[in-house]
C-alpha atoms as a PDB file:
ATOM      1  CA  UNK A   1       0.000   0.000   0.000  1.00  0.00           C
ATOM      2  CA  UNK A   2       0.991   3.612  -0.441  1.00  0.00           C
ATOM      3  CA  UNK A   3       1.820   5.839   2.510  1.00  0.00           C
ATOM      4  CA  UNK A   4      -1.603   7.423   2.185  1.00  0.00           C
ATOM      5  CA  UNK A   5      -3.187   3.977   2.178  1.00  0.00           C
ATOM      6  CA  UNK A   6      -1.330   2.955   5.349  1.00  0.00           C
ATOM      7  CA  UNK A   7      -2.281   6.226   7.051  1.00  0.00           C
ATOM      8  CA  UNK A   8      -5.961   5.710   6.224  1.00  0.00           C
ATOM      9  CA  UNK A   9      -5.760   2.053   7.266  1.00  0.00           C
ATOM     10  CA  UNK A  10      -4.259   2.844  10.675  1.00  0.00           C
ATOM     11  CA  UNK A  11      -6.718   5.693  11.252  1.00  0.00           C
ATOM     12  CA  UNK A  12      -9.713   3.480  10.485  1.00  0.00           C
ATOM     13  CA  UNK A  13      -8.368   0.622  12.591  1.00  0.00           C
ATOM     14  CA  UNK A  14      -8.316   2.908  15.619  1.00  0.00           C
ATOM     15  CA  UNK A  15     -11.423   4.971  14.902  1.00  0.00           C
ATOM     16  CA  UNK A  16     -13.728   1.989  14.458  1.00  0.00           C
ATOM     17  CA  UNK A  17     -12.265   0.242  17.480  1.00  0.00           C
ATOM     18  CA  UNK A  18     -13.295   3.191  19.680  1.00  0.00           C
ATOM     19  CA  UNK A  19     -17.148   3.114  19.355  1.00  0.00           C
ATOM     20  CA  UNK A  20     -17.469   0.110  21.687  1.00  0.00           C
ATOM     21  CA  UNK A  21     -15.807   2.110  24.464  1.00  0.00           C
ATOM     22  CA  UNK A  22     -17.822   5.268  23.774  1.00  0.00           C
ATOM     23  CA  UNK A  23     -21.113   3.369  23.581  1.00  0.00           C
ATOM     24  CA  UNK A  24     -20.338   1.626  26.864  1.00  0.00           C
ATOM     25  CA  UNK A  25     -19.741   4.989  28.564  1.00  0.00           C
ATOM     26  CA  UNK A  26     -22.833   6.616  27.022  1.00  0.00           C
ATOM     27  CA  UNK A  27     -25.396   3.874  27.722  1.00  0.00           C
ATOM     28  CA  UNK A  28     -24.552   3.954  31.425  1.00  0.00           C
ATOM     29  CA  UNK A  29     -26.435   7.274  31.566  1.00  0.00           C
ATOM     30  CA  UNK A  30     -28.359   7.647  28.297  1.00  0.00           C
ATOM     31  CA  UNK A  31     -31.011   5.389  26.766  1.00  0.00           C
ATOM     32  CA  UNK A  32     -29.766   3.336  23.780  1.00  0.00           C
ATOM     33  CA  UNK A  33     -32.321   4.908  21.423  1.00  0.00           C
ATOM     34  CA  UNK A  34     -31.018   8.376  22.328  1.00  0.00           C
ATOM     35  CA  UNK A  35     -27.427   7.273  21.728  1.00  0.00           C
ATOM     36  CA  UNK A  36     -28.312   6.123  18.210  1.00  0.00           C
ATOM     37  CA  UNK A  37     -30.389   9.233  17.496  1.00  0.00           C
ATOM     38  CA  UNK A  38     -27.701  11.700  18.586  1.00  0.00           C
ATOM     39  CA  UNK A  39     -24.945   9.794  16.776  1.00  0.00           C
ATOM     40  CA  UNK A  40     -26.885   9.717  13.506  1.00  0.00           C
ATOM     41  CA  UNK A  41     -28.132  13.304  13.800  1.00  0.00           C
ATOM     42  CA  UNK A  42     -24.580  14.622  14.202  1.00  0.00           C
ATOM     43  CA  UNK A  43     -23.289  12.453  11.371  1.00  0.00           C
ATOM     44  CA  UNK A  44     -26.102  13.473   9.020  1.00  0.00           C
ATOM     45  CA  UNK A  45     -25.673  17.161   9.861  1.00  0.00           C
ATOM     46  CA  UNK A  46     -22.006  16.952   8.865  1.00  0.00           C
ATOM     47  CA  UNK A  47     -22.232  14.680   5.797  1.00  0.00           C
ATOM     48  CA  UNK A  48     -25.447  15.853   4.113  1.00  0.00           C
ATOM     49  CA  UNK A  49     -24.171  19.386   3.249  1.00  0.00           C
ATOM     50  CA  UNK A  50     -20.984  17.819   1.851  1.00  0.00           C
ATOM     51  CA  UNK A  51     -23.068  15.378  -0.219  1.00  0.00           C
ATOM     52  CA  UNK A  52     -25.367  18.093  -1.554  1.00  0.00           C
ATOM     53  CA  UNK A  53     -22.413  20.332  -2.416  1.00  0.00           C
ATOM     54  CA  UNK A  54     -20.840  17.549  -4.503  1.00  0.00           C
ATOM     55  CA  UNK A  55     -24.074  16.644  -6.285  1.00  0.00           C
ATOM     56  CA  UNK A  56     -24.313  13.190  -4.728  1.00  0.00           C
ATOM     57  CA  UNK A  57     -27.839  13.481  -3.350  1.00  0.00           C
ATOM     58  CA  UNK A  58     -29.737  12.967  -6.624  1.00  0.00           C
ATOM     59  CA  UNK A  59     -28.258   9.538  -7.517  1.00  0.00           C
ATOM     60  CA  UNK A  60     -28.769   8.430  -3.909  1.00  0.00           C
ATOM     61  CA  UNK A  61     -32.449   9.371  -3.919  1.00  0.00           C
ATOM     62  CA  UNK A  62     -33.041   7.614  -7.238  1.00  0.00           C
ATOM     63  CA  UNK A  63     -32.087   4.346  -5.534  1.00  0.00           C
ATOM     64  CA  UNK A  64     -34.093   5.079  -2.392  1.00  0.00           C
ATOM     65  CA  UNK A  65     -35.566   1.574  -1.957  1.00  0.00           C
ATOM     66  CA  UNK A  66     -32.222  -0.188  -1.730  1.00  0.00           C
ATOM     67  CA  UNK A  67     -30.817   2.723   0.224  1.00  0.00           C
ATOM     68  CA  UNK A  68     -33.450   2.045   2.890  1.00  0.00           C
ATOM     69  CA  UNK A  69     -32.346  -1.597   2.987  1.00  0.00           C
ATOM     70  CA  UNK A  70     -28.718  -0.503   3.364  1.00  0.00           C
ATOM     71  CA  UNK A  71     -29.646   1.912   6.154  1.00  0.00           C
ATOM     72  CA  UNK A  72     -31.525  -0.800   8.050  1.00  0.00           C
ATOM     73  CA  UNK A  73     -28.682  -3.326   7.748  1.00  0.00           C
ATOM     74  CA  UNK A  74     -25.789  -0.956   8.423  1.00  0.00           C
ATOM     75  CA  UNK A  75     -27.157   1.589  10.911  1.00  0.00           C
ATOM     76  CA  UNK A  76     -30.815   1.665  11.917  1.00  0.00           C
ATOM     77  CA  UNK A  77     -30.952  -1.830  13.420  1.00  0.00           C
ATOM     78  CA  UNK A  78     -27.294  -2.634  14.324  1.00  0.00           C
ATOM     79  CA  UNK A  79     -26.517   0.563  16.224  1.00  0.00           C
ATOM     80  CA  UNK A  80     -29.550   0.213  18.480  1.00  0.00           C
ATOM     81  CA  UNK A  81     -28.751  -3.460  19.084  1.00  0.00           C
ATOM     82  CA  UNK A  82     -25.137  -2.595  19.965  1.00  0.00           C
ATOM     83  CA  UNK A  83     -26.256   0.070  22.432  1.00  0.00           C
ATOM     84  CA  UNK A  84     -28.717  -2.373  23.978  1.00  0.00           C
ATOM     85  CA  UNK A  85     -26.144  -5.185  24.188  1.00  0.00           C
ATOM     86  CA  UNK A  86     -23.500  -3.024  25.836  1.00  0.00           C
ATOM     87  CA  UNK A  87     -25.816  -2.331  28.740  1.00  0.00           C
ATOM     88  CA  UNK A  88     -24.782  -5.787  29.982  1.00  0.00           C
ATOM     89  CA  UNK A  89     -21.807  -6.904  27.827  1.00  0.00           C
ATOM     90  CA  UNK A  90     -18.342  -5.380  28.140  1.00  0.00           C
ATOM     91  CA  UNK A  91     -17.077  -3.193  25.306  1.00  0.00           C
ATOM     92  CA  UNK A  92     -14.131  -5.513  24.649  1.00  0.00           C
ATOM     93  CA  UNK A  93     -16.338  -8.608  24.475  1.00  0.00           C
ATOM     94  CA  UNK A  94     -18.738  -6.831  22.117  1.00  0.00           C
ATOM     95  CA  UNK A  95     -15.829  -5.888  19.870  1.00  0.00           C
ATOM     96  CA  UNK A  96     -14.620  -9.473  19.782  1.00  0.00           C
ATOM     97  CA  UNK A  97     -18.057 -10.833  18.925  1.00  0.00           C
ATOM     98  CA  UNK A  98     -18.377  -8.355  16.066  1.00  0.00           C
ATOM     99  CA  UNK A  99     -15.097  -9.790  14.741  1.00  0.00           C
ATOM    100  CA  UNK A 100     -17.247 -12.609  13.348  1.00  0.00           C
ATOM    101  CA  UNK A 101     -18.337 -10.253  10.545  1.00  0.00           C
ATOM    102  CA  UNK A 102     -15.784 -11.571   7.971  1.00  0.00           C
ATOM    103  CA  UNK A 103     -17.029 -15.133   8.498  1.00  0.00           C
ATOM    104  CA  UNK A 104     -20.649 -14.116   7.999  1.00  0.00           C
ATOM    105  CA  UNK A 105     -19.642 -11.974   5.001  1.00  0.00           C
ATOM    106  CA  UNK A 106     -17.865 -14.930   3.374  1.00  0.00           C
ATOM    107  CA  UNK A 107     -20.954 -17.085   3.836  1.00  0.00           C
ATOM    108  CA  UNK A 108     -23.308 -14.345   2.626  1.00  0.00           C
ATOM    109  CA  UNK A 109     -21.158 -13.764  -0.455  1.00  0.00           C
ATOM    110  CA  UNK A 110     -21.173 -17.467  -1.218  1.00  0.00           C
ATOM    111  CA  UNK A 111     -24.964 -17.654  -0.900  1.00  0.00           C
ATOM    112  CA  UNK A 112     -25.320 -14.550  -3.056  1.00  0.00           C
ATOM    113  CA  UNK A 113     -23.323 -16.187  -5.833  1.00  0.00           C
ATOM    114  CA  UNK A 114     -20.035 -14.338  -5.475  1.00  0.00           C
ATOM    115  CA  UNK A 115     -17.506 -15.717  -7.931  1.00  0.00           C
ATOM    116  CA  UNK A 116     -14.591 -15.887  -5.480  1.00  0.00           C
ATOM    117  CA  UNK A 117     -14.381 -19.434  -4.193  1.00  0.00           C
ATOM    118  CA  UNK A 118     -13.565 -20.579  -0.668  1.00  0.00           C
ATOM    119  CA  UNK A 119     -10.061 -22.088  -0.774  1.00  0.00           C
ATOM    120  CA  UNK A 120      -8.729 -24.551   1.773  1.00  0.00           C
ATOM    121  CA  UNK A 121      -6.748 -21.776   3.432  1.00  0.00           C
ATOM    122  CA  UNK A 122      -9.846 -19.596   3.795  1.00  0.00           C
ATOM    123  CA  UNK A 123     -11.906 -22.514   5.097  1.00  0.00           C
ATOM    124  CA  UNK A 124      -9.159 -23.324   7.619  1.00  0.00           C
ATOM    125  CA  UNK A 125      -9.133 -19.685   8.666  1.00  0.00           C
ATOM    126  CA  UNK A 126     -12.857 -19.743   9.277  1.00  0.00           C
ATOM    127  CA  UNK A 127     -12.389 -22.870  11.378  1.00  0.00           C
ATOM    128  CA  UNK A 128      -9.675 -21.205  13.463  1.00  0.00           C
ATOM    129  CA  UNK A 129     -11.903 -18.190  13.964  1.00  0.00           C
ATOM    130  CA  UNK A 130     -14.828 -20.334  15.049  1.00  0.00           C
ATOM    131  CA  UNK A 131     -12.600 -22.057  17.628  1.00  0.00           C
ATOM    132  CA  UNK A 132     -11.526 -18.650  18.899  1.00  0.00           C
ATOM    133  CA  UNK A 133     -15.094 -17.434  19.230  1.00  0.00           C
ATOM    134  CA  UNK A 134     -16.072 -20.709  20.942  1.00  0.00           C
ATOM    135  CA  UNK A 135     -13.225 -20.247  23.444  1.00  0.00           C
ATOM    136  CA  UNK A 136     -14.334 -16.679  24.023  1.00  0.00           C
ATOM    137  CA  UNK A 137     -17.972 -17.593  24.564  1.00  0.00           C
ATOM    138  CA  UNK A 138     -17.221 -20.595  26.723  1.00  0.00           C
ATOM    139  CA  UNK A 139     -14.832 -18.776  29.037  1.00  0.00           C
ATOM    140  CA  UNK A 140     -16.268 -15.273  29.172  1.00  0.00           C
ATOM    141  CA  UNK A 141     -20.056 -15.509  28.877  1.00  0.00           C
ATOM    142  CA  UNK A 142     -20.787 -17.693  31.891  1.00  0.00           C
ATOM    143  CA  UNK A 143     -23.901 -16.248  33.492  1.00  0.00           C
ATOM    144  CA  UNK A 144     -24.405 -13.640  30.775  1.00  0.00           C
ATOM    145  CA  UNK A 145     -27.874 -13.068  29.390  1.00  0.00           C
ATOM    146  CA  UNK A 146     -28.655 -14.653  26.044  1.00  0.00           C
ATOM    147  CA  UNK A 147     -30.498 -11.722  24.451  1.00  0.00           C
ATOM    148  CA  UNK A 148     -27.522  -9.301  24.363  1.00  0.00           C
ATOM    149  CA  UNK A 149     -25.418 -11.993  22.678  1.00  0.00           C
ATOM    150  CA  UNK A 150     -28.197 -12.621  20.136  1.00  0.00           C
ATOM    151  CA  UNK A 151     -28.372  -8.852  19.555  1.00  0.00           C
ATOM    152  CA  UNK A 152     -24.662  -8.724  18.670  1.00  0.00           C
ATOM    153  CA  UNK A 153     -25.104 -11.783  16.419  1.00  0.00           C
ATOM    154  CA  UNK A 154     -27.770  -9.873  14.490  1.00  0.00           C
ATOM    155  CA  UNK A 155     -25.387  -6.917  14.248  1.00  0.00           C
ATOM    156  CA  UNK A 156     -22.789  -9.130  12.553  1.00  0.00           C
ATOM    157  CA  UNK A 157     -25.396 -10.254  10.020  1.00  0.00           C
ATOM    158  CA  UNK A 158     -26.271  -6.649   9.206  1.00  0.00           C
ATOM    159  CA  UNK A 159     -22.650  -5.527   8.927  1.00  0.00           C
ATOM    160  CA  UNK A 160     -21.812  -8.522   6.718  1.00  0.00           C
ATOM    161  CA  UNK A 161     -24.710  -8.154   4.271  1.00  0.00           C
ATOM    162  CA  UNK A 162     -24.875  -4.350   3.938  1.00  0.00           C
ATOM    163  CA  UNK A 163     -21.783  -4.212   1.660  1.00  0.00           C
ATOM    164  CA  UNK A 164     -23.464  -6.707  -0.681  1.00  0.00           C
ATOM    165  CA  UNK A 165     -26.388  -4.298  -1.037  1.00  0.00           C
ATOM    166  CA  UNK A 166     -23.998  -1.455  -1.861  1.00  0.00           C
ATOM    167  CA  UNK A 167     -21.965  -3.423  -4.413  1.00  0.00           C
ATOM    168  CA  UNK A 168     -24.905  -5.114  -6.122  1.00  0.00           C
ATOM    169  CA  UNK A 169     -27.739  -2.595  -5.854  1.00  0.00           C
ATOM    170  CA  UNK A 170     -26.109   0.812  -5.346  1.00  0.00           C
ATOM    171  CA  UNK A 171     -23.133   0.816  -7.743  1.00  0.00           C
ATOM    172  CA  UNK A 172     -23.879   4.319  -9.056  1.00  0.00           C
ATOM    173  CA  UNK A 173     -24.310   5.930  -5.633  1.00  0.00           C
ATOM    174  CA  UNK A 174     -21.212   7.569  -4.071  1.00  0.00           C
ATOM    175  CA  UNK A 175     -20.370   5.865  -0.790  1.00  0.00           C
ATOM    176  CA  UNK A 176     -20.477   8.999   1.350  1.00  0.00           C
ATOM    177  CA  UNK A 177     -23.808   9.980  -0.220  1.00  0.00           C
ATOM    178  CA  UNK A 178     -25.277   6.587   0.669  1.00  0.00           C
ATOM    179  CA  UNK A 179     -23.981   6.950   4.226  1.00  0.00           C
ATOM    180  CA  UNK A 180     -25.341  10.506   4.572  1.00  0.00           C
ATOM    181  CA  UNK A 181     -28.839   9.561   3.437  1.00  0.00           C
ATOM    182  CA  UNK A 182     -28.806   6.412   5.592  1.00  0.00           C
ATOM    183  CA  UNK A 183     -27.849   8.508   8.624  1.00  0.00           C
ATOM    184  CA  UNK A 184     -30.664  10.972   7.899  1.00  0.00           C
ATOM    185  CA  UNK A 185     -33.192   8.140   7.540  1.00  0.00           C
ATOM    186  CA  UNK A 186     -32.083   6.571  10.820  1.00  0.00           C
ATOM    187  CA  UNK A 187     -32.326   9.938  12.562  1.00  0.00           C
ATOM    188  CA  UNK A 188     -35.928  10.360  11.382  1.00  0.00           C
ATOM    189  CA  UNK A 189     -36.859   6.806  12.372  1.00  0.00           C
ATOM    190  CA  UNK A 190     -35.636   7.235  15.939  1.00  0.00           C
ATOM    191  CA  UNK A 191     -36.721  10.848  16.473  1.00  0.00           C
ATOM    192  CA  UNK A 192     -40.218  10.013  17.874  1.00  0.00           C
ATOM    193  CA  UNK A 193     -38.677   7.653  20.437  1.00  0.00           C
ATOM    194  CA  UNK A 194     -35.571   9.676  21.308  1.00  0.00           C
ATOM    195  CA  UNK A 195     -36.869  13.244  21.507  1.00  0.00           C
ATOM    196  CA  UNK A 196     -39.026  12.656  24.631  1.00  0.00           C
ATOM    197  CA  UNK A 197     -35.922  11.275  26.380  1.00  0.00           C
ATOM    198  CA  UNK A 198     -33.456  13.986  25.369  1.00  0.00           C
ATOM    199  CA  UNK A 199     -33.866  15.623  28.765  1.00  0.00           C
ATOM    200  CA  UNK A 200     -32.041  12.704  30.365  1.00  0.00           C
ATOM    201  CA  UNK A 201     -29.191  13.144  27.899  1.00  0.00           C
ATOM    202  CA  UNK A 202     -28.897  16.846  28.735  1.00  0.00           C
ATOM    203  CA  UNK A 203     -28.585  15.964  32.411  1.00  0.00           C
ATOM    204  CA  UNK A 204     -25.893  13.341  31.732  1.00  0.00           C
ATOM    205  CA  UNK A 205     -22.308  13.786  32.876  1.00  0.00           C
ATOM    206  CA  UNK A 206     -19.725  15.563  30.770  1.00  0.00           C
ATOM    207  CA  UNK A 207     -18.054  12.220  30.095  1.00  0.00           C
ATOM    208  CA  UNK A 208     -21.242  10.766  28.600  1.00  0.00           C
ATOM    209  CA  UNK A 209     -21.895  13.897  26.524  1.00  0.00           C
ATOM    210  CA  UNK A 210     -18.349  13.877  25.169  1.00  0.00           C
ATOM    211  CA  UNK A 211     -18.799  10.206  24.257  1.00  0.00           C
ATOM    212  CA  UNK A 212     -21.967  11.062  22.300  1.00  0.00           C
ATOM    213  CA  UNK A 213     -20.228  13.925  20.504  1.00  0.00           C
ATOM    214  CA  UNK A 214     -17.225  11.753  19.628  1.00  0.00           C
ATOM    215  CA  UNK A 215     -19.511   8.994  18.349  1.00  0.00           C
ATOM    216  CA  UNK A 216     -21.212  11.423  15.973  1.00  0.00           C
ATOM    217  CA  UNK A 217     -18.245  13.483  14.791  1.00  0.00           C
ATOM    218  CA  UNK A 218     -15.312  11.052  14.829  1.00  0.00           C
ATOM    219  CA  UNK A 219     -16.768   7.528  14.726  1.00  0.00           C
ATOM    220  CA  UNK A 220     -19.563   8.337  12.258  1.00  0.00           C
ATOM    221  CA  UNK A 221     -19.024  11.374  10.016  1.00  0.00           C
ATOM    222  CA  UNK A 222     -15.210  11.350   9.890  1.00  0.00           C
ATOM    223  CA  UNK A 223     -14.987   7.547   9.924  1.00  0.00           C
ATOM    224  CA  UNK A 224     -17.370   7.049   7.006  1.00  0.00           C
ATOM    225  CA  UNK A 225     -15.554   9.651   4.940  1.00  0.00           C
ATOM    226  CA  UNK A 226     -12.178   8.035   5.650  1.00  0.00           C
ATOM    227  CA  UNK A 227     -13.511   4.540   5.030  1.00  0.00           C
ATOM    228  CA  UNK A 228     -14.683   5.300   1.506  1.00  0.00           C
ATOM    229  CA  UNK A 229     -11.397   7.126   0.856  1.00  0.00           C
ATOM    230  CA  UNK A 230      -9.588   3.970   2.014  1.00  0.00           C
ATOM    231  CA  UNK A 231     -11.635   1.840  -0.383  1.00  0.00           C
ATOM    232  CA  UNK A 232     -10.735   4.153  -3.267  1.00  0.00           C
ATOM    233  CA  UNK A 233      -7.064   4.052  -2.283  1.00  0.00           C
ATOM    234  CA  UNK A 234      -6.489   0.328  -1.666  1.00  0.00           C
ATOM    235  CA  UNK A 235      -9.666  -1.421  -2.864  1.00  0.00           C
ATOM    236  CA  UNK A 236     -12.421  -3.125  -0.865  1.00  0.00           C
ATOM    237  CA  UNK A 237     -10.479  -6.327  -0.124  1.00  0.00           C
ATOM    238  CA  UNK A 238      -7.614  -4.621   1.665  1.00  0.00           C
ATOM    239  CA  UNK A 239      -9.937  -2.105   3.306  1.00  0.00           C
ATOM    240  CA  UNK A 240     -11.767  -5.009   4.949  1.00  0.00           C
ATOM    241  CA  UNK A 241      -8.607  -5.890   6.896  1.00  0.00           C
ATOM    242  CA  UNK A 242      -9.420  -3.118   9.412  1.00  0.00           C
ATOM    243  CA  UNK A 243     -11.965  -5.581  10.793  1.00  0.00           C
ATOM    244  CA  UNK A 244      -9.069  -7.637  12.130  1.00  0.00           C
ATOM    245  CA  UNK A 245      -7.627  -4.735  14.138  1.00  0.00           C
ATOM    246  CA  UNK A 246     -10.822  -3.131  15.480  1.00  0.00           C
ATOM    247  CA  UNK A 247     -11.456  -5.834  18.131  1.00  0.00           C
ATOM    248  CA  UNK A 248      -7.893  -5.536  19.422  1.00  0.00           C
ATOM    249  CA  UNK A 249      -8.390  -1.788  19.856  1.00  0.00           C
ATOM    250  CA  UNK A 250     -11.730  -2.381  21.601  1.00  0.00           C
ATOM    251  CA  UNK A 251     -10.121  -4.894  23.988  1.00  0.00           C
ATOM    252  CA  UNK A 252      -7.188  -2.622  24.831  1.00  0.00           C
ATOM    253  CA  UNK A 253      -9.408   0.404  25.442  1.00  0.00           C
ATOM    254  CA  UNK A 254     -11.835  -1.606  27.562  1.00  0.00           C
ATOM    255  CA  UNK A 255      -9.007  -3.012  29.697  1.00  0.00           C
ATOM    256  CA  UNK A 256      -6.997   0.225  29.965  1.00  0.00           C
ATOM    257  CA  UNK A 257      -9.760   2.825  30.331  1.00  0.00           C
ATOM    258  CA  UNK A 258     -12.764   0.955  31.751  1.00  0.00           C
ATOM    259  CA  UNK A 259     -10.876  -1.430  34.043  1.00  0.00           C
ATOM    260  CA  UNK A 260     -12.491  -4.385  32.299  1.00  0.00           C
ATOM    261  CA  UNK A 261     -10.699  -7.659  33.101  1.00  0.00           C
ATOM    262  CA  UNK A 262      -8.235  -9.149  30.651  1.00  0.00           C
ATOM    263  CA  UNK A 263      -9.566 -12.677  30.935  1.00  0.00           C
ATOM    264  CA  UNK A 264      -8.232 -16.025  29.820  1.00  0.00           C
ATOM    265  CA  UNK A 265     -10.981 -16.112  27.187  1.00  0.00           C
ATOM    266  CA  UNK A 266      -9.739 -12.859  25.662  1.00  0.00           C
ATOM    267  CA  UNK A 267      -6.127 -14.025  25.820  1.00  0.00           C
ATOM    268  CA  UNK A 268      -6.974 -17.216  23.925  1.00  0.00           C
ATOM    269  CA  UNK A 269      -9.849 -16.061  21.770  1.00  0.00           C
ATOM    270  CA  UNK A 270      -8.440 -12.777  20.446  1.00  0.00           C
ATOM    271  CA  UNK A 271      -5.353 -14.223  18.679  1.00  0.00           C
ATOM    272  CA  UNK A 272      -7.423 -17.065  17.220  1.00  0.00           C
ATOM    273  CA  UNK A 273     -10.165 -14.744  15.962  1.00  0.00           C
ATOM    274  CA  UNK A 274      -7.662 -12.343  14.418  1.00  0.00           C
ATOM    275  CA  UNK A 275      -5.629 -15.140  12.806  1.00  0.00           C
ATOM    276  CA  UNK A 276      -8.817 -16.726  11.517  1.00  0.00           C
ATOM    277  CA  UNK A 277      -9.975 -13.442  10.006  1.00  0.00           C
ATOM    278  CA  UNK A 278      -6.646 -12.933   8.219  1.00  0.00           C
ATOM    279  CA  UNK A 279      -6.745 -16.425   6.712  1.00  0.00           C
ATOM    280  CA  UNK A 280     -10.476 -16.456   5.954  1.00  0.00           C
ATOM    281  CA  UNK A 281     -10.336 -13.227   3.932  1.00  0.00           C
ATOM    282  CA  UNK A 282      -7.025 -13.949   2.208  1.00  0.00           C
ATOM    283  CA  UNK A 283      -7.046 -13.140  -1.471  1.00  0.00           C
ATOM    284  CA  UNK A 284      -7.254 -16.079  -3.831  1.00  0.00           C
ATOM    285  CA  UNK A 285      -4.633 -16.469  -6.517  1.00  0.00           C
ATOM    286  CA  UNK A 286      -5.561 -14.342  -9.494  1.00  0.00           C
ATOM    287  CA  UNK A 287      -7.088 -16.308 -12.311  1.00  0.00           C
ATOM    288  CA  UNK A 288      -6.176 -15.503 -15.947  1.00  0.00           C
ATOM    289  CA  UNK A 289      -8.389 -12.734 -17.224  1.00  0.00           C
ATOM    290  CA  UNK A 290     -10.467 -13.132 -20.327  1.00  0.00           C
ATOM    291  CA  UNK A 291      -9.929 -10.531 -23.068  1.00  0.00           C
ATOM    292  CA  UNK A 292     -11.608  -7.272 -22.157  1.00  0.00           C
ATOM    293  CA  UNK A 293     -12.119  -8.053 -18.470  1.00  0.00           C
ATOM    294  CA  UNK A 294      -9.288  -5.755 -17.428  1.00  0.00           C
ATOM    295  CA  UNK A 295     -11.423  -2.748 -18.303  1.00  0.00           C
ATOM    296  CA  UNK A 296     -14.359  -4.145 -16.354  1.00  0.00           C
ATOM    297  CA  UNK A 297     -12.159  -4.787 -13.319  1.00  0.00           C
ATOM    298  CA  UNK A 298     -10.811  -1.249 -13.463  1.00  0.00           C
ATOM    299  CA  UNK A 299     -14.338   0.151 -13.658  1.00  0.00           C
ATOM    300  CA  UNK A 300     -15.405  -1.922 -10.671  1.00  0.00           C
ATOM    301  CA  UNK A 301     -12.559  -0.498  -8.621  1.00  0.00           C
END
């Protein structure tokens, strides 16, 4: 990768490892629906003017049906479920569970008819990752409630399938434009439920309010802009590798800043999950291209 690519990669690895910590701090004092509403409202307020100024709103609105599906899978449902789950799960554990996204994405791509086949190395990687997640669940979820874990499992499904919607149904929509409209839609959806509870958010501590602001500005608006810049710089395959690093950041922040325990499950499960992700999303050997496909590949990138 270029220096710019590495800079974007490292920035995204950190930025999208932070939300688990910020959500954990915020939901201790603010209702989950308010957390999602404020995060999306700030993100939409920052990205929509940028989208309109660059003429990206019109193509986004033309594909409004699939844009609604993308919003539901990527933001509207997952962010509420994450906020709900972190009322009882630790931020580091939530980050590790979300590390299952590449496995679900590989399966979803296979079911959707993606041409890239699952090699033995990728299948072995998925197996290693499953063992890591099993070690994590078996050692760290004793006595935990089932519903928060199910909520995070649904989040992984949404995160894994949303990119398929973008690549297959929204190819003409700029990525930031899709994100801006999705944020606005999610804000509107949650407004009736969040607005009556905003008083509690106003009375929250400065720490909780700063967490909400950082979620909206840094982990939503800035992160989405950088993420699509990373995709343009290094391509979607390499950009996906940030998923391997995010859980490690979430674990370190949870242990260092929230005094969450560094358990045996994390010590065993984290390396296995990360190694499994690296192997499971490894690029296959390039097959010989048919005449004329080079131009199509370049257009897709």
